[in-house]
């Protein structure tokens, strides 16, 4: 029988982005990208902490494992992308998902 715990910390530079020409986007009414400057800039740093706990019960011919993982423990809103919103004439950001709990039960023969 095994009790397990784990922690994973990820901290890295943000995703590379294609800048948006705000004035031209206002004129066009949709997002206009500056492809000449593609991937020269990046979003804010990406940071995430994941933790997990599991219990494994060994039997003579089979084993079961129950585990709980919590992804993005700090519920940080990491930026995925941005776009131009024609209704407000502003740039808006798209964020990655926040805190995600994962419950798992596995049987092995």
PDB file of N, CA and C in Angstrom:
ATOM      1  N   UNK A   1       0.842  -1.180   0.000  1.00  0.00           N
ATOM      2  CA  UNK A   1       0.000   0.000   0.000  1.00  0.00           C
ATOM      3  C   UNK A   1       0.884   1.239   0.000  1.00  0.00           C
ATOM      4  N   UNK A   2       0.497   2.234  -0.788  1.00  0.00           N
ATOM      5  CA  UNK A   2       1.345   3.416  -0.948  1.00  0.00           C
ATOM      6  C   UNK A   2       0.495   4.676  -0.844  1.00  0.00           C
ATOM      7  N   UNK A   3       0.977   5.626  -0.057  1.00  0.00           N
ATOM      8  CA  UNK A   3       0.402   6.969  -0.019  1.00  0.00           C
ATOM      9  C   UNK A   3       1.390   7.879  -0.730  1.00  0.00           C
ATOM     10  N   UNK A   4       0.881   8.684  -1.649  1.00  0.00           N
ATOM     11  CA  UNK A   4       1.745   9.508  -2.481  1.00  0.00           C
ATOM     12  C   UNK A   4       1.255  10.957  -2.489  1.00  0.00           C
ATOM     13  N   UNK A   5       2.189  11.877  -2.588  1.00  0.00           N
ATOM     14  CA  UNK A   5       1.844  13.285  -2.792  1.00  0.00           C
ATOM     15  C   UNK A   5       2.852  13.871  -3.773  1.00  0.00           C
ATOM     16  N   UNK A   6       2.422  14.881  -4.506  1.00  0.00           N
ATOM     17  CA  UNK A   6       3.328  15.517  -5.462  1.00  0.00           C
ATOM     18  C   UNK A   6       2.966  16.982  -5.629  1.00  0.00           C
ATOM     19  N   UNK A   7       3.968  17.745  -6.023  1.00  0.00           N
ATOM     20  CA  UNK A   7       3.808  19.168  -6.287  1.00  0.00           C
ATOM     21  C   UNK A   7       4.567  19.480  -7.570  1.00  0.00           C
ATOM     22  N   UNK A   8       3.947  20.291  -8.422  1.00  0.00           N
ATOM     23  CA  UNK A   8       4.628  20.746  -9.636  1.00  0.00           C
ATOM     24  C   UNK A   8       4.455  22.251  -9.720  1.00  0.00           C
ATOM     25  N   UNK A   9       5.559  22.954  -9.928  1.00  0.00           N
ATOM     26  CA  UNK A   9       5.535  24.405 -10.076  1.00  0.00           C
ATOM     27  C   UNK A   9       6.092  24.751 -11.449  1.00  0.00           C
ATOM     28  N   UNK A  10       5.326  25.537 -12.204  1.00  0.00           N
ATOM     29  CA  UNK A  10       5.755  25.972 -13.534  1.00  0.00           C
ATOM     30  C   UNK A  10       5.781  27.493 -13.533  1.00  0.00           C
ATOM     31  N   UNK A  11       6.920  28.053 -13.896  1.00  0.00           N
ATOM     32  CA  UNK A  11       7.053  29.495 -14.040  1.00  0.00           C
ATOM     33  C   UNK A  11       7.946  29.727 -15.244  1.00  0.00           C
ATOM     34  N   UNK A  12       7.374  30.287 -16.279  1.00  0.00           N
ATOM     35  CA  UNK A  12       8.138  30.508 -17.495  1.00  0.00           C
ATOM     36  C   UNK A  12       7.646  31.773 -18.178  1.00  0.00           C
ATOM     37  N   UNK A  13       8.345  32.175 -19.196  1.00  0.00           N
ATOM     38  CA  UNK A  13       7.943  33.350 -19.966  1.00  0.00           C
ATOM     39  C   UNK A  13       6.597  33.126 -20.623  1.00  0.00           C
ATOM     40  N   UNK A  14       5.889  34.198 -20.883  1.00  0.00           N
ATOM     41  CA  UNK A  14       4.566  34.102 -21.496  1.00  0.00           C
ATOM     42  C   UNK A  14       4.629  33.678 -22.953  1.00  0.00           C
ATOM     43  N   UNK A  15       3.483  33.315 -23.480  1.00  0.00           N
ATOM     44  CA  UNK A  15       3.384  32.924 -24.879  1.00  0.00           C
ATOM     45  C   UNK A  15       3.736  34.099 -25.782  1.00  0.00           C
ATOM     46  N   UNK A  16       4.388  33.802 -26.880  1.00  0.00           N
ATOM     47  CA  UNK A  16       4.691  34.830 -27.875  1.00  0.00           C
ATOM     48  C   UNK A  16       3.399  35.232 -28.569  1.00  0.00           C
ATOM     49  N   UNK A  17       3.288  36.514 -28.885  1.00  0.00           N
ATOM     50  CA  UNK A  17       2.042  37.032 -29.451  1.00  0.00           C
ATOM     51  C   UNK A  17       2.299  37.796 -30.746  1.00  0.00           C
ATOM     52  N   UNK A  18       1.231  37.981 -31.507  1.00  0.00           N
ATOM     53  CA  UNK A  18       1.251  38.848 -32.674  1.00  0.00           C
ATOM     54  C   UNK A  18       0.561  40.132 -32.252  1.00  0.00           C
ATOM     55  N   UNK A  19       1.261  41.277 -32.277  1.00  0.00           N
ATOM     56  CA  UNK A  19       0.651  42.532 -31.822  1.00  0.00           C
ATOM     57  C   UNK A  19      -0.568  42.915 -32.674  1.00  0.00           C
ATOM     58  N   UNK A  20      -1.461  43.678 -32.083  1.00  0.00           N
ATOM     59  CA  UNK A  20      -2.677  44.131 -32.749  1.00  0.00           C
ATOM     60  C   UNK A  20      -2.590  45.631 -32.977  1.00  0.00           C
ATOM     61  N   UNK A  21      -2.905  46.065 -34.193  1.00  0.00           N
ATOM     62  CA  UNK A  21      -2.960  47.483 -34.532  1.00  0.00           C
ATOM     63  C   UNK A  21      -4.328  47.997 -34.099  1.00  0.00           C
ATOM     64  N   UNK A  22      -4.360  48.709 -32.981  1.00  0.00           N
ATOM     65  CA  UNK A  22      -5.634  49.141 -32.400  1.00  0.00           C
ATOM     66  C   UNK A  22      -6.348  50.132 -33.313  1.00  0.00           C
ATOM     67  N   UNK A  23      -5.638  51.129 -33.814  1.00  0.00           N
ATOM     68  CA  UNK A  23      -6.280  52.142 -34.659  1.00  0.00           C
ATOM     69  C   UNK A  23      -6.846  51.526 -35.932  1.00  0.00           C
ATOM     70  N   UNK A  24      -6.099  50.661 -36.570  1.00  0.00           N
ATOM     71  CA  UNK A  24      -6.580  50.000 -37.791  1.00  0.00           C
ATOM     72  C   UNK A  24      -7.738  49.045 -37.468  1.00  0.00           C
ATOM     73  N   UNK A  25      -7.705  48.426 -36.294  1.00  0.00           N
ATOM     74  CA  UNK A  25      -8.803  47.549 -35.874  1.00  0.00           C
ATOM     75  C   UNK A  25     -10.085  48.349 -35.666  1.00  0.00           C
ATOM     76  N   UNK A  26      -9.960  49.548 -35.120  1.00  0.00           N
ATOM     77  CA  UNK A  26     -11.131  50.421 -34.954  1.00  0.00           C
ATOM     78  C   UNK A  26     -11.707  50.776 -36.320  1.00  0.00           C
ATOM     79  N   UNK A  27     -10.826  51.110 -37.275  1.00  0.00           N
ATOM     80  CA  UNK A  27     -11.282  51.467 -38.623  1.00  0.00           C
ATOM     81  C   UNK A  27     -11.949  50.288 -39.331  1.00  0.00           C
ATOM     82  N   UNK A  28     -11.386  49.078 -39.180  1.00  0.00           N
ATOM     83  CA  UNK A  28     -11.904  47.884 -39.854  1.00  0.00           C
ATOM     84  C   UNK A  28     -13.102  47.267 -39.130  1.00  0.00           C
ATOM     85  N   UNK A  29     -13.190  47.468 -37.824  1.00  0.00           N
ATOM     86  CA  UNK A  29     -14.259  46.858 -37.047  1.00  0.00           C
ATOM     87  C   UNK A  29     -13.980  45.416 -36.660  1.00  0.00           C
ATOM     88  N   UNK A  30     -12.743  44.973 -36.853  1.00  0.00           N
ATOM     89  CA  UNK A  30     -12.319  43.628 -36.458  1.00  0.00           C
ATOM     90  C   UNK A  30     -10.819  43.652 -36.186  1.00  0.00           C
ATOM     91  N   UNK A  31     -10.317  42.576 -35.626  1.00  0.00           N
ATOM     92  CA  UNK A  31      -8.914  42.514 -35.226  1.00  0.00           C
ATOM     93  C   UNK A  31      -7.987  42.553 -36.435  1.00  0.00           C
ATOM     94  N   UNK A  32      -7.027  43.489 -36.391  1.00  0.00           N
ATOM     95  CA  UNK A  32      -6.007  43.598 -37.439  1.00  0.00           C
ATOM     96  C   UNK A  32      -4.652  43.360 -36.773  1.00  0.00           C
ATOM     97  N   UNK A  33      -3.978  42.301 -37.195  1.00  0.00           N
ATOM     98  CA  UNK A  33      -2.691  41.936 -36.608  1.00  0.00           C
ATOM     99  C   UNK A  33      -1.537  42.590 -37.349  1.00  0.00           C
ATOM    100  N   UNK A  34      -0.455  42.863 -36.623  1.00  0.00           N
ATOM    101  CA  UNK A  34       0.782  43.387 -37.207  1.00  0.00           C
ATOM    102  C   UNK A  34       1.727  42.206 -37.448  1.00  0.00           C
ATOM    103  N   UNK A  35       1.554  41.531 -38.569  1.00  0.00           N
ATOM    104  CA  UNK A  35       2.319  40.317 -38.849  1.00  0.00           C
ATOM    105  C   UNK A  35       3.811  40.582 -39.027  1.00  0.00           C
ATOM    106  N   UNK A  36       4.186  41.823 -39.366  1.00  0.00           N
ATOM    107  CA  UNK A  36       5.616  42.142 -39.499  1.00  0.00           C
ATOM    108  C   UNK A  36       6.347  42.052 -38.167  1.00  0.00           C
ATOM    109  N   UNK A  37       5.620  42.209 -37.059  1.00  0.00           N
ATOM    110  CA  UNK A  37       6.219  42.138 -35.722  1.00  0.00           C
ATOM    111  C   UNK A  37       5.820  40.860 -34.982  1.00  0.00           C
ATOM    112  N   UNK A  38       5.434  39.844 -35.729  1.00  0.00           N
ATOM    113  CA  UNK A  38       4.933  38.609 -35.123  1.00  0.00           C
ATOM    114  C   UNK A  38       5.974  37.970 -34.207  1.00  0.00           C
ATOM    115  N   UNK A  39       5.532  37.595 -33.014  1.00  0.00           N
ATOM    116  CA  UNK A  39       6.284  36.823 -32.019  1.00  0.00           C
ATOM    117  C   UNK A  39       7.506  37.552 -31.460  1.00  0.00           C
ATOM    118  N   UNK A  40       7.580  38.864 -31.637  1.00  0.00           N
ATOM    119  CA  UNK A  40       8.671  39.636 -31.030  1.00  0.00           C
ATOM    120  C   UNK A  40       8.332  40.001 -29.592  1.00  0.00           C
ATOM    121  N   UNK A  41       7.038  40.067 -29.281  1.00  0.00           N
ATOM    122  CA  UNK A  41       6.583  40.387 -27.925  1.00  0.00           C
ATOM    123  C   UNK A  41       5.987  39.143 -27.289  1.00  0.00           C
ATOM    124  N   UNK A  42       5.869  39.170 -25.972  1.00  0.00           N
ATOM    125  CA  UNK A  42       5.257  38.032 -25.284  1.00  0.00           C
ATOM    126  C   UNK A  42       4.286  38.532 -24.216  1.00  0.00           C
ATOM    127  N   UNK A  43       3.353  37.665 -23.864  1.00  0.00           N
ATOM    128  CA  UNK A  43       2.401  37.966 -22.794  1.00  0.00           C
ATOM    129  C   UNK A  43       3.137  37.897 -21.450  1.00  0.00           C
ATOM    130  N   UNK A  44       2.431  38.207 -20.383  1.00  0.00           N
ATOM    131  CA  UNK A  44       3.023  38.125 -19.041  1.00  0.00           C
ATOM    132  C   UNK A  44       3.476  36.699 -18.751  1.00  0.00           C
ATOM    133  N   UNK A  45       4.382  36.557 -17.783  1.00  0.00           N
ATOM    134  CA  UNK A  45       4.888  35.232 -17.418  1.00  0.00           C
ATOM    135  C   UNK A  45       3.753  34.281 -17.048  1.00  0.00           C
ATOM    136  N   UNK A  46       3.981  33.010 -17.369  1.00  0.00           N
ATOM    137  CA  UNK A  46       3.035  31.945 -17.062  1.00  0.00           C
ATOM    138  C   UNK A  46       3.459  31.323 -15.737  1.00  0.00           C
ATOM    139  N   UNK A  47       2.516  31.210 -14.795  1.00  0.00           N
ATOM    140  CA  UNK A  47       2.819  30.623 -13.491  1.00  0.00           C
ATOM    141  C   UNK A  47       1.678  29.719 -13.080  1.00  0.00           C
ATOM    142  N   UNK A  48       2.026  28.542 -12.566  1.00  0.00           N
ATOM    143  CA  UNK A  48       1.002  27.582 -12.154  1.00  0.00           C
ATOM    144  C   UNK A  48       1.588  26.620 -11.134  1.00  0.00           C
ATOM    145  N   UNK A  49       0.785  26.272 -10.120  1.00  0.00           N
ATOM    146  CA  UNK A  49       1.150  25.263  -9.128  1.00  0.00           C
ATOM    147  C   UNK A  49       0.099  24.166  -9.161  1.00  0.00           C
ATOM    148  N   UNK A  50       0.561  22.928  -9.285  1.00  0.00           N
ATOM    149  CA  UNK A  50      -0.324  21.761  -9.238  1.00  0.00           C
ATOM    150  C   UNK A  50       0.070  20.904  -8.039  1.00  0.00           C
ATOM    151  N   UNK A  51      -0.923  20.358  -7.340  1.00  0.00           N
ATOM    152  CA  UNK A  51      -0.642  19.421  -6.251  1.00  0.00           C
ATOM    153  C   UNK A  51      -1.500  18.173  -6.452  1.00  0.00           C
ATOM    154  N   UNK A  52      -1.052  17.083  -5.883  1.00  0.00           N
ATOM    155  CA  UNK A  52      -1.811  15.847  -6.001  1.00  0.00           C
ATOM    156  C   UNK A  52      -1.551  14.917  -4.837  1.00  0.00           C
ATOM    157  N   UNK A  53      -2.553  14.111  -4.547  1.00  0.00           N
ATOM    158  CA  UNK A  53      -2.477  13.109  -3.489  1.00  0.00           C
ATOM    159  C   UNK A  53      -3.104  11.829  -4.015  1.00  0.00           C
ATOM    160  N   UNK A  54      -2.516  10.692  -3.655  1.00  0.00           N
ATOM    161  CA  UNK A  54      -3.103   9.424  -4.083  1.00  0.00           C
ATOM    162  C   UNK A  54      -2.870   8.347  -3.024  1.00  0.00           C
ATOM    163  N   UNK A  55      -3.729   7.347  -3.089  1.00  0.00           N
ATOM    164  CA  UNK A  55      -3.601   6.170  -2.220  1.00  0.00           C
ATOM    165  C   UNK A  55      -3.726   4.945  -3.108  1.00  0.00           C
ATOM    166  N   UNK A  56      -2.764   4.027  -2.964  1.00  0.00           N
ATOM    167  CA  UNK A  56      -2.739   2.796  -3.753  1.00  0.00           C
ATOM    168  C   UNK A  56      -2.894   1.606  -2.822  1.00  0.00           C
ATOM    169  N   UNK A  57      -3.866   0.759  -3.115  1.00  0.00           N
ATOM    170  CA  UNK A  57      -4.120  -0.447  -2.321  1.00  0.00           C
ATOM    171  C   UNK A  57      -3.775  -1.657  -3.178  1.00  0.00           C
ATOM    172  N   UNK A  58      -2.777  -2.399  -2.741  1.00  0.00           N
ATOM    173  CA  UNK A  58      -2.337  -3.589  -3.467  1.00  0.00           C
ATOM    174  C   UNK A  58      -3.033  -4.828  -2.912  1.00  0.00           C
ATOM    175  N   UNK A  59      -3.627  -5.600  -3.798  1.00  0.00           N
ATOM    176  CA  UNK A  59      -4.231  -6.884  -3.479  1.00  0.00           C
ATOM    177  C   UNK A  59      -3.430  -7.961  -4.215  1.00  0.00           C
ATOM    178  N   UNK A  60      -3.602  -9.232  -3.897  1.00  0.00           N
ATOM    179  CA  UNK A  60      -2.788 -10.281  -4.545  1.00  0.00           C
ATOM    180  C   UNK A  60      -2.882 -10.297  -6.071  1.00  0.00           C
ATOM    181  N   UNK A  61      -4.062 -10.064  -6.645  1.00  0.00           N
ATOM    182  CA  UNK A  61      -4.203 -10.166  -8.101  1.00  0.00           C
ATOM    183  C   UNK A  61      -4.615  -8.856  -8.775  1.00  0.00           C
ATOM    184  N   UNK A  62      -4.899  -7.846  -7.994  1.00  0.00           N
ATOM    185  CA  UNK A  62      -5.296  -6.566  -8.578  1.00  0.00           C
ATOM    186  C   UNK A  62      -4.981  -5.422  -7.620  1.00  0.00           C
ATOM    187  N   UNK A  63      -5.042  -4.226  -8.136  1.00  0.00           N
ATOM    188  CA  UNK A  63      -4.696  -3.022  -7.370  1.00  0.00           C
ATOM    189  C   UNK A  63      -5.692  -1.919  -7.711  1.00  0.00           C
ATOM    190  N   UNK A  64      -6.023  -1.094  -6.724  1.00  0.00           N
ATOM    191  CA  UNK A  64      -6.817   0.092  -7.026  1.00  0.00           C
ATOM    192  C   UNK A  64      -6.107   1.329  -6.498  1.00  0.00           C
ATOM    193  N   UNK A  65      -6.327   2.434  -7.208  1.00  0.00           N
ATOM    194  CA  UNK A  65      -5.692   3.705  -6.865  1.00  0.00           C
ATOM    195  C   UNK A  65      -6.764   4.788  -6.909  1.00  0.00           C
ATOM    196  N   UNK A  66      -6.800   5.599  -5.870  1.00  0.00           N
ATOM    197  CA  UNK A  66      -7.665   6.773  -5.874  1.00  0.00           C
ATOM    198  C   UNK A  66      -6.762   7.993  -5.720  1.00  0.00           C
ATOM    199  N   UNK A  67      -7.030   9.018  -6.514  1.00  0.00           N
ATOM    200  CA  UNK A  67      -6.175  10.202  -6.459  1.00  0.00           C
ATOM    201  C   UNK A  67      -6.993  11.474  -6.647  1.00  0.00           C
ATOM    202  N   UNK A  68      -6.464  12.546  -6.102  1.00  0.00           N
ATOM    203  CA  UNK A  68      -7.034  13.878  -6.250  1.00  0.00           C
ATOM    204  C   UNK A  68      -5.906  14.793  -6.695  1.00  0.00           C
ATOM    205  N   UNK A  69      -6.119  15.463  -7.807  1.00  0.00           N
ATOM    206  CA  UNK A  69      -5.153  16.446  -8.306  1.00  0.00           C
ATOM    207  C   UNK A  69      -5.848  17.794  -8.377  1.00  0.00           C
ATOM    208  N   UNK A  70      -5.144  18.826  -7.986  1.00  0.00           N
ATOM    209  CA  UNK A  70      -5.661  20.182  -8.110  1.00  0.00           C
ATOM    210  C   UNK A  70      -4.686  20.941  -9.006  1.00  0.00           C
ATOM    211  N   UNK A  71      -5.167  21.298 -10.182  1.00  0.00           N
ATOM    212  CA  UNK A  71      -4.345  22.020 -11.147  1.00  0.00           C
ATOM    213  C   UNK A  71      -4.597  23.513 -11.012  1.00  0.00           C
ATOM    214  N   UNK A  72      -3.542  24.288 -11.129  1.00  0.00           N
ATOM    215  CA  UNK A  72      -3.585  25.747 -10.964  1.00  0.00           C
ATOM    216  C   UNK A  72      -4.131  26.112  -9.589  1.00  0.00           C
ATOM    217  N   UNK A  73      -3.466  25.615  -8.577  1.00  0.00           N
ATOM    218  CA  UNK A  73      -3.890  25.784  -7.182  1.00  0.00           C
ATOM    219  C   UNK A  73      -4.120  27.244  -6.801  1.00  0.00           C
ATOM    220  N   UNK A  74      -3.319  28.155  -7.322  1.00  0.00           N
ATOM    221  CA  UNK A  74      -3.451  29.568  -6.980  1.00  0.00           C
ATOM    222  C   UNK A  74      -4.544  30.268  -7.785  1.00  0.00           C
ATOM    223  N   UNK A  75      -5.180  29.539  -8.709  1.00  0.00           N
ATOM    224  CA  UNK A  75      -6.252  30.087  -9.550  1.00  0.00           C
ATOM    225  C   UNK A  75      -5.791  31.318 -10.332  1.00  0.00           C
ATOM    226  N   UNK A  76      -4.540  31.307 -10.731  1.00  0.00           N
ATOM    227  CA  UNK A  76      -3.965  32.437 -11.476  1.00  0.00           C
ATOM    228  C   UNK A  76      -4.583  32.512 -12.868  1.00  0.00           C
ATOM    229  N   UNK A  77      -4.886  33.706 -13.308  1.00  0.00           N
ATOM    230  CA  UNK A  77      -5.458  33.943 -14.635  1.00  0.00           C
ATOM    231  C   UNK A  77      -4.315  34.188 -15.618  1.00  0.00           C
ATOM    232  N   UNK A  78      -3.764  33.127 -16.189  1.00  0.00           N
ATOM    233  CA  UNK A  78      -2.698  33.246 -17.181  1.00  0.00           C
ATOM    234  C   UNK A  78      -3.291  33.639 -18.527  1.00  0.00           C
ATOM    235  N   UNK A  79      -2.628  34.549 -19.226  1.00  0.00           N
ATOM    236  CA  UNK A  79      -3.130  35.063 -20.496  1.00  0.00           C
ATOM    237  C   UNK A  79      -2.833  34.070 -21.612  1.00  0.00           C
ATOM    238  N   UNK A  80      -3.861  33.761 -22.393  1.00  0.00           N
ATOM    239  CA  UNK A  80      -3.715  32.869 -23.546  1.00  0.00           C
ATOM    240  C   UNK A  80      -3.513  33.677 -24.821  1.00  0.00           C
ATOM    241  N   UNK A  81      -4.343  34.689 -25.026  1.00  0.00           N
ATOM    242  CA  UNK A  81      -4.300  35.476 -26.257  1.00  0.00           C
ATOM    243  C   UNK A  81      -5.043  36.782 -26.023  1.00  0.00           C
ATOM    244  N   UNK A  82      -5.023  37.662 -27.000  1.00  0.00           N
ATOM    245  CA  UNK A  82      -5.803  38.896 -26.929  1.00  0.00           C
ATOM    246  C   UNK A  82      -6.455  39.142 -28.287  1.00  0.00           C
ATOM    247  N   UNK A  83      -7.505  39.950 -28.269  1.00  0.00           N
ATOM    248  CA  UNK A  83      -8.229  40.269 -29.489  1.00  0.00           C
ATOM    249  C   UNK A  83      -8.832  41.663 -29.354  1.00  0.00           C
ATOM    250  N   UNK A  84      -9.263  42.223 -30.469  1.00  0.00           N
ATOM    251  CA  UNK A  84      -9.901  43.534 -30.479  1.00  0.00           C
ATOM    252  C   UNK A  84     -11.409  43.348 -30.394  1.00  0.00           C
ATOM    253  N   UNK A  85     -12.052  44.045 -29.453  1.00  0.00           N
ATOM    254  CA  UNK A  85     -13.501  43.992 -29.290  1.00  0.00           C
ATOM    255  C   UNK A  85     -14.104  45.227 -29.959  1.00  0.00           C
ATOM    256  N   UNK A  86     -14.809  45.063 -31.098  1.00  0.00           N
ATOM    257  CA  UNK A  86     -15.345  46.226 -31.811  1.00  0.00           C
ATOM    258  C   UNK A  86     -16.450  46.970 -31.048  1.00  0.00           C
ATOM    259  N   UNK A  87     -17.126  46.307 -30.116  1.00  0.00           N
ATOM    260  CA  UNK A  87     -18.185  46.981 -29.361  1.00  0.00           C
ATOM    261  C   UNK A  87     -17.628  48.021 -28.391  1.00  0.00           C
ATOM    262  N   UNK A  88     -16.492  47.702 -27.749  1.00  0.00           N
ATOM    263  CA  UNK A  88     -15.895  48.640 -26.795  1.00  0.00           C
ATOM    264  C   UNK A  88     -14.682  49.365 -27.376  1.00  0.00           C
ATOM    265  N   UNK A  89     -14.262  48.985 -28.595  1.00  0.00           N
ATOM    266  CA  UNK A  89     -13.064  49.558 -29.232  1.00  0.00           C
ATOM    267  C   UNK A  89     -11.822  49.434 -28.350  1.00  0.00           C
ATOM    268  N   UNK A  90     -11.698  48.296 -27.666  1.00  0.00           N
ATOM    269  CA  UNK A  90     -10.556  48.046 -26.794  1.00  0.00           C
ATOM    270  C   UNK A  90     -10.012  46.644 -27.029  1.00  0.00           C
ATOM    271  N   UNK A  91      -8.773  46.441 -26.603  1.00  0.00           N
ATOM    272  CA  UNK A  91      -8.199  45.106 -26.629  1.00  0.00           C
ATOM    273  C   UNK A  91      -8.712  44.325 -25.429  1.00  0.00           C
ATOM    274  N   UNK A  92      -9.081  43.082 -25.651  1.00  0.00           N
ATOM    275  CA  UNK A  92      -9.517  42.209 -24.568  1.00  0.00           C
ATOM    276  C   UNK A  92      -8.584  41.006 -24.529  1.00  0.00           C
ATOM    277  N   UNK A  93      -8.424  40.444 -23.357  1.00  0.00           N
ATOM    278  CA  UNK A  93      -7.537  39.286 -23.182  1.00  0.00           C
ATOM    279  C   UNK A  93      -8.353  38.026 -22.931  1.00  0.00           C
ATOM    280  N   UNK A  94      -7.850  36.918 -23.451  1.00  0.00           N
ATOM    281  CA  UNK A  94      -8.452  35.609 -23.223  1.00  0.00           C
ATOM    282  C   UNK A  94      -7.568  34.899 -22.203  1.00  0.00           C
ATOM    283  N   UNK A  95      -8.164  34.396 -21.146  1.00  0.00           N
ATOM    284  CA  UNK A  95      -7.403  33.757 -20.081  1.00  0.00           C
ATOM    285  C   UNK A  95      -7.564  32.240 -20.124  1.00  0.00           C
ATOM    286  N   UNK A  96      -6.549  31.546 -19.648  1.00  0.00           N
ATOM    287  CA  UNK A  96      -6.617  30.096 -19.519  1.00  0.00           C
ATOM    288  C   UNK A  96      -7.524  29.740 -18.338  1.00  0.00           C
ATOM    289  N   UNK A  97      -7.905  28.478 -18.261  1.00  0.00           N
ATOM    290  CA  UNK A  97      -8.802  28.063 -17.184  1.00  0.00           C
ATOM    291  C   UNK A  97      -8.132  28.242 -15.824  1.00  0.00           C
ATOM    292  N   UNK A  98      -8.946  28.419 -14.818  1.00  0.00           N
ATOM    293  CA  UNK A  98      -8.455  28.606 -13.460  1.00  0.00           C
ATOM    294  C   UNK A  98      -8.231  27.286 -12.750  1.00  0.00           C
ATOM    295  N   UNK A  99      -8.618  27.228 -11.505  1.00  0.00           N
ATOM    296  CA  UNK A  99      -8.433  26.049 -10.664  1.00  0.00           C
ATOM    297  C   UNK A  99      -9.256  24.874 -11.210  1.00  0.00           C
ATOM    298  N   UNK A 100      -8.609  23.711 -11.325  1.00  0.00           N
ATOM    299  CA  UNK A 100      -9.278  22.520 -11.842  1.00  0.00           C
ATOM    300  C   UNK A 100      -9.042  21.356 -10.881  1.00  0.00           C
ATOM    301  N   UNK A 101     -10.083  20.878 -10.184  1.00  0.00           N
ATOM    302  CA  UNK A 101      -9.925  19.673  -9.366  1.00  0.00           C
ATOM    303  C   UNK A 101     -10.184  18.426 -10.226  1.00  0.00           C
ATOM    304  N   UNK A 102      -9.355  17.418 -10.046  1.00  0.00           N
ATOM    305  CA  UNK A 102      -9.496  16.173 -10.813  1.00  0.00           C
ATOM    306  C   UNK A 102      -9.500  15.010  -9.826  1.00  0.00           C
ATOM    307  N   UNK A 103     -10.591  14.254  -9.824  1.00  0.00           N
ATOM    308  CA  UNK A 103     -10.710  13.057  -8.993  1.00  0.00           C
ATOM    309  C   UNK A 103     -10.594  11.844  -9.909  1.00  0.00           C
ATOM    310  N   UNK A 104      -9.764  10.882  -9.533  1.00  0.00           N
ATOM    311  CA  UNK A 104      -9.503   9.730 -10.394  1.00  0.00           C
ATOM    312  C   UNK A 104      -9.535   8.448  -9.562  1.00  0.00           C
ATOM    313  N   UNK A 105     -10.151   7.421 -10.148  1.00  0.00           N
ATOM    314  CA  UNK A 105     -10.150   6.091  -9.537  1.00  0.00           C
ATOM    315  C   UNK A 105      -9.742   5.100 -10.619  1.00  0.00           C
ATOM    316  N   UNK A 106      -8.735   4.275 -10.336  1.00  0.00           N
ATOM    317  CA  UNK A 106      -8.209   3.353 -11.330  1.00  0.00           C
ATOM    318  C   UNK A 106      -8.057   1.961 -10.725  1.00  0.00           C
ATOM    319  N   UNK A 107      -8.429   0.969 -11.525  1.00  0.00           N
ATOM    320  CA  UNK A 107      -8.268  -0.431 -11.130  1.00  0.00           C
ATOM    321  C   UNK A 107      -7.318  -1.087 -12.111  1.00  0.00           C
ATOM    322  N   UNK A 108      -6.302  -1.803 -11.588  1.00  0.00           N
ATOM    323  CA  UNK A 108      -5.341  -2.505 -12.430  1.00  0.00           C
ATOM    324  C   UNK A 108      -5.377  -4.001 -12.126  1.00  0.00           C
ATOM    325  N   UNK A 109      -5.388  -4.783 -13.186  1.00  0.00           N
ATOM    326  CA  UNK A 109      -5.398  -6.248 -13.037  1.00  0.00           C
ATOM    327  C   UNK A 109      -4.053  -6.815 -13.395  1.00  0.00           C
TER     328      UNK A 109
END
